[in-house]
Amino acid sequence: MNKALIAFSLVLTAALWSCKTDAPVEDKSKTLSNSKEDVKWSFYNSGDLFLKVMADKNDQGANKILRGMNIGDHPDSLIVKEKGMRQVDEKVMKGYFQDLNDAEFISSYYYFNEEDFLTGANVKVNLASDSTAEDLYFELKLYFEQKYGKSFHGLDKYDTWNALTVDSFPFVIGLKFEKGIFPVDDKMEPEFSKVIINLEESDY
């Protein structure tokens, strides 16, 4: 085989390889919009921890704001919706505690006005792993942005969304990730990583 043929073979091989590697890779992921169907799909396909945080006792709640609850709901709804064990039972505030395992847990607090309407909630997910907490934070952020649009940077470093319930109750929802503190000695108390969701009634 002469040199010209060898050179031609090398050029042809390189060209074929270039075509193969530069070809676009087919994206197997679902392209999501903010339609009700896609928001529901996203809710149920965002992972087990996401459902433990966001869903109600029966793993439902894609059409609700948080853990099966909406602004304006009655405290009786918590009995059939909230999956944690009740720790606080007051007129204007109900608190629940949900074990995830031996160490990790979710605390959820709901705030009601004198007319027994939900005006706000605070859900704090305490996790031993920074990476797990950060992954959950990004899953929640993507879900909220799909459902409510792009966030803005709110007070106290929350990613924040303004929105309306289906009953036109305006609300603000905030999301924040706090990195854990895991000291190397016993002189400091460890702090779990936290993902915090804050829900408040709004008058905008």
C-alpha atoms as a PDB file:
ATOM      1  CA  MET A   1       0.000   0.000   0.000  1.00  0.00           C
ATOM      2  CA  ASN A   2       1.502   3.334  -1.033  1.00  0.00           C
ATOM      3  CA  LYS A   3       1.845   6.382   1.204  1.00  0.00           C
ATOM      4  CA  ALA A   4      -0.948   8.305  -0.548  1.00  0.00           C
ATOM      5  CA  LEU A   5      -3.450   5.466   0.140  1.00  0.00           C
ATOM      6  CA  ILE A   6      -2.361   5.213   3.791  1.00  0.00           C
ATOM      7  CA  ALA A   7      -2.794   8.986   4.216  1.00  0.00           C
ATOM      8  CA  PHE A   8      -6.228   8.844   2.578  1.00  0.00           C
ATOM      9  CA  SER A   9      -7.283   6.005   4.902  1.00  0.00           C
ATOM     10  CA  LEU A  10      -6.187   7.982   7.973  1.00  0.00           C
ATOM     11  CA  VAL A  11      -8.069  11.105   6.826  1.00  0.00           C
ATOM     12  CA  LEU A  12     -11.209   9.072   6.105  1.00  0.00           C
ATOM     13  CA  THR A  13     -11.035   7.349   9.529  1.00  0.00           C
ATOM     14  CA  ALA A  14     -10.610  10.700  11.286  1.00  0.00           C
ATOM     15  CA  ALA A  15     -13.545  12.189   9.370  1.00  0.00           C
ATOM     16  CA  LEU A  16     -15.813   9.256  10.226  1.00  0.00           C
ATOM     17  CA  TRP A  17     -14.778   9.396  13.906  1.00  0.00           C
ATOM     18  CA  SER A  18     -15.434  13.155  13.972  1.00  0.00           C
ATOM     19  CA  CYS A  19     -18.915  12.660  12.547  1.00  0.00           C
ATOM     20  CA  LYS A  20     -19.648   9.980  15.116  1.00  0.00           C
ATOM     21  CA  THR A  21     -18.467  11.948  18.148  1.00  0.00           C
ATOM     22  CA  ASP A  22     -19.937  15.304  17.045  1.00  0.00           C
ATOM     23  CA  ALA A  23     -23.399  13.877  16.411  1.00  0.00           C
ATOM     24  CA  PRO A  24     -25.927  15.198  18.927  1.00  0.00           C
ATOM     25  CA  VAL A  25     -26.755  12.793  21.739  1.00  0.00           C
ATOM     26  CA  GLU A  26     -30.454  12.100  21.952  1.00  0.00           C
ATOM     27  CA  ASP A  27     -31.898  13.564  25.160  1.00  0.00           C
ATOM     28  CA  LYS A  28     -33.961  10.868  26.847  1.00  0.00           C
ATOM     29  CA  SER A  29     -35.201  13.193  29.603  1.00  0.00           C
ATOM     30  CA  LYS A  30     -38.735  14.547  29.526  1.00  0.00           C
ATOM     31  CA  THR A  31     -39.016  18.162  28.413  1.00  0.00           C
ATOM     32  CA  LEU A  32     -41.259  19.795  30.998  1.00  0.00           C
ATOM     33  CA  SER A  33     -43.576  22.773  30.838  1.00  0.00           C
ATOM     34  CA  ASN A  34     -45.680  24.271  33.585  1.00  0.00           C
ATOM     35  CA  SER A  35     -48.823  22.481  32.409  1.00  0.00           C
ATOM     36  CA  LYS A  36     -50.782  20.648  35.108  1.00  0.00           C
ATOM     37  CA  GLU A  37     -49.837  17.294  33.591  1.00  0.00           C
ATOM     38  CA  ASP A  38     -46.105  18.065  33.507  1.00  0.00           C
ATOM     39  CA  VAL A  39     -46.082  19.560  37.009  1.00  0.00           C
ATOM     40  CA  LYS A  40     -47.809  16.395  38.256  1.00  0.00           C
ATOM     41  CA  TRP A  41     -45.296  14.209  36.359  1.00  0.00           C
ATOM     42  CA  SER A  42     -42.416  16.166  37.908  1.00  0.00           C
ATOM     43  CA  PHE A  43     -43.903  15.871  41.403  1.00  0.00           C
ATOM     44  CA  TYR A  44     -44.115  12.075  41.260  1.00  0.00           C
ATOM     45  CA  ASN A  45     -40.752  11.612  39.522  1.00  0.00           C
ATOM     46  CA  SER A  46     -38.534  13.787  41.701  1.00  0.00           C
ATOM     47  CA  GLY A  47     -37.345  11.039  44.035  1.00  0.00           C
ATOM     48  CA  ASP A  48     -38.251   9.376  47.319  1.00  0.00           C
ATOM     49  CA  LEU A  49     -36.913  12.131  49.592  1.00  0.00           C
ATOM     50  CA  PHE A  50     -38.762  14.789  47.580  1.00  0.00           C
ATOM     51  CA  LEU A  51     -42.038  12.911  48.138  1.00  0.00           C
ATOM     52  CA  LYS A  52     -41.321  12.520  51.856  1.00  0.00           C
ATOM     53  CA  VAL A  53     -40.915  16.288  52.066  1.00  0.00           C
ATOM     54  CA  MET A  54     -43.624  17.529  49.698  1.00  0.00           C
ATOM     55  CA  ALA A  55     -46.374  14.902  49.603  1.00  0.00           C
ATOM     56  CA  ASP A  56     -49.155  14.236  52.078  1.00  0.00           C
ATOM     57  CA  LYS A  57     -49.833  11.081  54.088  1.00  0.00           C
ATOM     58  CA  ASN A  58     -50.935   9.190  50.956  1.00  0.00           C
ATOM     59  CA  ASP A  59     -48.070  10.521  48.790  1.00  0.00           C
ATOM     60  CA  GLN A  60     -50.503  12.872  47.047  1.00  0.00           C
ATOM     61  CA  GLY A  61     -50.397  16.639  46.762  1.00  0.00           C
ATOM     62  CA  ALA A  62     -49.096  17.663  43.330  1.00  0.00           C
ATOM     63  CA  ASN A  63     -51.988  20.150  43.108  1.00  0.00           C
ATOM     64  CA  LYS A  64     -51.208  21.627  46.546  1.00  0.00           C
ATOM     65  CA  ILE A  65     -48.441  23.934  47.727  1.00  0.00           C
ATOM     66  CA  LEU A  66     -46.825  21.893  50.485  1.00  0.00           C
ATOM     67  CA  ARG A  67     -47.437  18.475  52.068  1.00  0.00           C
ATOM     68  CA  GLY A  68     -51.018  18.373  50.789  1.00  0.00           C
ATOM     69  CA  MET A  69     -51.886  21.817  52.162  1.00  0.00           C
ATOM     70  CA  ASN A  70     -52.811  25.168  50.627  1.00  0.00           C
ATOM     71  CA  ILE A  71     -53.098  28.660  52.048  1.00  0.00           C
ATOM     72  CA  GLY A  72     -56.665  28.958  53.359  1.00  0.00           C
ATOM     73  CA  ASP A  73     -57.021  25.285  54.410  1.00  0.00           C
ATOM     74  CA  HIS A  74     -58.606  24.303  57.740  1.00  0.00           C
ATOM     75  CA  PRO A  75     -56.568  22.687  60.587  1.00  0.00           C
ATOM     76  CA  ASP A  76     -58.729  19.547  60.339  1.00  0.00           C
ATOM     77  CA  SER A  77     -57.022  18.895  56.991  1.00  0.00           C
ATOM     78  CA  LEU A  78     -53.766  18.190  58.824  1.00  0.00           C
ATOM     79  CA  ILE A  79     -55.254  15.070  60.393  1.00  0.00           C
ATOM     80  CA  VAL A  80     -55.681  13.450  56.985  1.00  0.00           C
ATOM     81  CA  LYS A  81     -52.738  15.128  55.211  1.00  0.00           C
ATOM     82  CA  GLU A  82     -49.708  15.505  57.504  1.00  0.00           C
ATOM     83  CA  LYS A  83     -47.630  12.318  57.749  1.00  0.00           C
ATOM     84  CA  GLY A  84     -45.570  13.356  60.784  1.00  0.00           C
ATOM     85  CA  MET A  85     -46.434  12.817  64.448  1.00  0.00           C
ATOM     86  CA  ARG A  86     -48.058  15.820  66.113  1.00  0.00           C
ATOM     87  CA  GLN A  87     -45.806  17.503  68.686  1.00  0.00           C
ATOM     88  CA  VAL A  88     -47.504  20.881  69.140  1.00  0.00           C
ATOM     89  CA  ASP A  89     -51.247  21.514  69.161  1.00  0.00           C
ATOM     90  CA  GLU A  90     -52.208  25.115  69.743  1.00  0.00           C
ATOM     91  CA  LYS A  91     -55.001  27.274  68.351  1.00  0.00           C
ATOM     92  CA  VAL A  92     -52.772  29.240  66.004  1.00  0.00           C
ATOM     93  CA  MET A  93     -49.922  26.749  65.478  1.00  0.00           C
ATOM     94  CA  LYS A  94     -49.618  22.989  64.902  1.00  0.00           C
ATOM     95  CA  GLY A  95     -46.234  21.244  64.889  1.00  0.00           C
ATOM     96  CA  TYR A  96     -45.279  17.813  63.504  1.00  0.00           C
ATOM     97  CA  PHE A  97     -42.148  15.652  63.549  1.00  0.00           C
ATOM     98  CA  GLN A  98     -41.369  13.022  60.896  1.00  0.00           C
ATOM     99  CA  ASP A  99     -38.477  10.570  61.255  1.00  0.00           C
ATOM    100  CA  LEU A 100     -36.576   9.795  58.055  1.00  0.00           C
ATOM    101  CA  ASN A 101     -34.220   7.340  59.792  1.00  0.00           C
ATOM    102  CA  ASP A 102     -32.468   7.022  63.165  1.00  0.00           C
ATOM    103  CA  ALA A 103     -30.950  10.510  62.930  1.00  0.00           C
ATOM    104  CA  GLU A 104     -32.524  12.540  60.106  1.00  0.00           C
ATOM    105  CA  PHE A 105     -35.963  14.126  60.369  1.00  0.00           C
ATOM    106  CA  ILE A 106     -38.459  16.667  59.070  1.00  0.00           C
ATOM    107  CA  SER A 107     -40.110  19.239  61.316  1.00  0.00           C
ATOM    108  CA  SER A 108     -43.199  20.999  59.988  1.00  0.00           C
ATOM    109  CA  TYR A 109     -45.120  23.864  61.578  1.00  0.00           C
ATOM    110  CA  TYR A 110     -48.439  25.277  60.381  1.00  0.00           C
ATOM    111  CA  TYR A 111     -49.849  28.671  61.345  1.00  0.00           C
ATOM    112  CA  PHE A 112     -53.553  29.547  61.472  1.00  0.00           C
ATOM    113  CA  ASN A 113     -55.491  32.742  62.034  1.00  0.00           C
ATOM    114  CA  GLU A 114     -58.402  33.179  64.436  1.00  0.00           C
ATOM    115  CA  GLU A 115     -60.822  32.071  61.713  1.00  0.00           C
ATOM    116  CA  ASP A 116     -58.978  28.714  61.406  1.00  0.00           C
ATOM    117  CA  PHE A 117     -57.460  29.367  57.985  1.00  0.00           C
ATOM    118  CA  LEU A 118     -53.895  28.320  57.174  1.00  0.00           C
ATOM    119  CA  THR A 119     -51.784  31.463  56.765  1.00  0.00           C
ATOM    120  CA  GLY A 120     -48.313  29.924  56.633  1.00  0.00           C
ATOM    121  CA  ALA A 121     -46.048  26.935  57.182  1.00  0.00           C
ATOM    122  CA  ASN A 122     -42.392  26.177  57.820  1.00  0.00           C
ATOM    123  CA  VAL A 123     -40.870  22.825  56.851  1.00  0.00           C
ATOM    124  CA  LYS A 124     -37.286  22.073  57.843  1.00  0.00           C
ATOM    125  CA  VAL A 125     -35.520  18.967  56.506  1.00  0.00           C
ATOM    126  CA  ASN A 126     -32.535  17.972  58.683  1.00  0.00           C
ATOM    127  CA  LEU A 127     -30.022  15.768  56.860  1.00  0.00           C
ATOM    128  CA  ALA A 128     -26.621  14.390  57.852  1.00  0.00           C
ATOM    129  CA  SER A 129     -25.172  14.789  54.345  1.00  0.00           C
ATOM    130  CA  ASP A 130     -24.442  18.144  52.714  1.00  0.00           C
ATOM    131  CA  SER A 131     -24.641  16.584  49.255  1.00  0.00           C
ATOM    132  CA  THR A 132     -28.025  14.948  49.940  1.00  0.00           C
ATOM    133  CA  ALA A 133     -29.405  18.236  51.270  1.00  0.00           C
ATOM    134  CA  GLU A 134     -28.021  20.172  48.315  1.00  0.00           C
ATOM    135  CA  ASP A 135     -29.495  17.668  45.843  1.00  0.00           C
ATOM    136  CA  LEU A 136     -32.897  18.015  47.534  1.00  0.00           C
ATOM    137  CA  TYR A 137     -32.609  21.811  47.426  1.00  0.00           C
ATOM    138  CA  PHE A 138     -31.981  21.772  43.660  1.00  0.00           C
ATOM    139  CA  GLU A 139     -34.836  19.279  43.073  1.00  0.00           C
ATOM    140  CA  LEU A 140     -37.216  21.540  44.981  1.00  0.00           C
ATOM    141  CA  LYS A 141     -35.960  24.665  43.231  1.00  0.00           C
ATOM    142  CA  LEU A 142     -36.465  23.113  39.777  1.00  0.00           C
ATOM    143  CA  TYR A 143     -39.948  21.961  40.778  1.00  0.00           C
ATOM    144  CA  PHE A 144     -40.976  25.371  42.145  1.00  0.00           C
ATOM    145  CA  GLU A 145     -39.581  27.160  39.091  1.00  0.00           C
ATOM    146  CA  GLN A 146     -41.501  24.827  36.814  1.00  0.00           C
ATOM    147  CA  LYS A 147     -44.693  25.389  38.806  1.00  0.00           C
ATOM    148  CA  TYR A 148     -44.415  29.108  39.658  1.00  0.00           C
ATOM    149  CA  GLY A 149     -41.860  30.585  37.260  1.00  0.00           C
ATOM    150  CA  LYS A 150     -38.413  32.046  37.906  1.00  0.00           C
ATOM    151  CA  SER A 151     -37.542  32.848  41.510  1.00  0.00           C
ATOM    152  CA  PHE A 152     -36.133  36.069  42.867  1.00  0.00           C
ATOM    153  CA  HIS A 153     -33.673  36.473  45.736  1.00  0.00           C
ATOM    154  CA  GLY A 154     -35.756  37.220  48.807  1.00  0.00           C
ATOM    155  CA  LEU A 155     -34.901  38.262  52.334  1.00  0.00           C
ATOM    156  CA  ASP A 156     -32.595  36.102  54.454  1.00  0.00           C
ATOM    157  CA  LYS A 157     -31.140  34.421  51.329  1.00  0.00           C
ATOM    158  CA  TYR A 158     -34.304  32.563  50.359  1.00  0.00           C
ATOM    159  CA  ASP A 159     -35.105  31.732  46.740  1.00  0.00           C
ATOM    160  CA  THR A 160     -38.600  33.194  46.597  1.00  0.00           C
ATOM    161  CA  TRP A 161     -41.737  32.792  44.481  1.00  0.00           C
ATOM    162  CA  ASN A 162     -44.986  34.779  44.485  1.00  0.00           C
ATOM    163  CA  ALA A 163     -48.016  32.766  43.407  1.00  0.00           C
ATOM    164  CA  LEU A 164     -51.751  32.157  43.742  1.00  0.00           C
ATOM    165  CA  THR A 165     -53.635  29.064  44.883  1.00  0.00           C
ATOM    166  CA  VAL A 166     -56.433  27.697  42.710  1.00  0.00           C
ATOM    167  CA  ASP A 167     -58.793  29.617  45.014  1.00  0.00           C
ATOM    168  CA  SER A 168     -56.826  32.821  44.304  1.00  0.00           C
ATOM    169  CA  PHE A 169     -55.240  33.046  47.753  1.00  0.00           C
ATOM    170  CA  PRO A 170     -51.927  34.850  47.170  1.00  0.00           C
ATOM    171  CA  PHE A 171     -48.841  33.398  48.856  1.00  0.00           C
ATOM    172  CA  VAL A 172     -45.065  33.605  48.969  1.00  0.00           C
ATOM    173  CA  ILE A 173     -42.932  30.475  49.140  1.00  0.00           C
ATOM    174  CA  GLY A 174     -39.237  30.579  50.032  1.00  0.00           C
ATOM    175  CA  LEU A 175     -36.533  27.923  49.788  1.00  0.00           C
ATOM    176  CA  LYS A 176     -33.096  27.854  51.419  1.00  0.00           C
ATOM    177  CA  PHE A 177     -30.172  25.443  51.864  1.00  0.00           C
ATOM    178  CA  GLU A 178     -28.008  25.696  54.990  1.00  0.00           C
ATOM    179  CA  LYS A 179     -24.714  23.817  55.033  1.00  0.00           C
ATOM    180  CA  GLY A 180     -24.121  21.589  58.045  1.00  0.00           C
ATOM    181  CA  ILE A 181     -21.406  22.009  60.649  1.00  0.00           C
ATOM    182  CA  PHE A 182     -19.580  18.804  61.493  1.00  0.00           C
ATOM    183  CA  PRO A 183     -16.782  19.595  63.974  1.00  0.00           C
ATOM    184  CA  VAL A 184     -13.697  17.421  64.268  1.00  0.00           C
ATOM    185  CA  ASP A 185     -13.820  17.429  68.081  1.00  0.00           C
ATOM    186  CA  ASP A 186     -16.412  17.341  70.872  1.00  0.00           C
ATOM    187  CA  LYS A 187     -16.083  21.032  71.760  1.00  0.00           C
ATOM    188  CA  MET A 188     -18.717  22.096  69.232  1.00  0.00           C
ATOM    189  CA  GLU A 189     -22.222  20.788  68.717  1.00  0.00           C
ATOM    190  CA  PRO A 190     -22.763  19.388  65.204  1.00  0.00           C
ATOM    191  CA  GLU A 191     -25.397  21.037  63.021  1.00  0.00           C
ATOM    192  CA  PHE A 192     -27.200  19.014  60.380  1.00  0.00           C
ATOM    193  CA  SER A 193     -27.519  20.302  56.845  1.00  0.00           C
ATOM    194  CA  LYS A 194     -30.949  21.857  56.357  1.00  0.00           C
ATOM    195  CA  VAL A 195     -33.349  22.502  53.533  1.00  0.00           C
ATOM    196  CA  ILE A 196     -35.986  25.002  54.654  1.00  0.00           C
ATOM    197  CA  ILE A 197     -39.290  25.726  52.919  1.00  0.00           C
ATOM    198  CA  ASN A 198     -41.186  28.737  54.191  1.00  0.00           C
ATOM    199  CA  LEU A 199     -44.769  29.431  53.137  1.00  0.00           C
ATOM    200  CA  GLU A 200     -46.568  32.687  53.935  1.00  0.00           C
ATOM    201  CA  GLU A 201     -49.884  34.268  53.054  1.00  0.00           C
ATOM    202  CA  SER A 202     -49.392  37.381  50.953  1.00  0.00           C
ATOM    203  CA  ASP A 203     -51.453  40.476  50.205  1.00  0.00           C
ATOM    204  CA  TYR A 204     -49.806  41.406  46.921  1.00  0.00           C
END
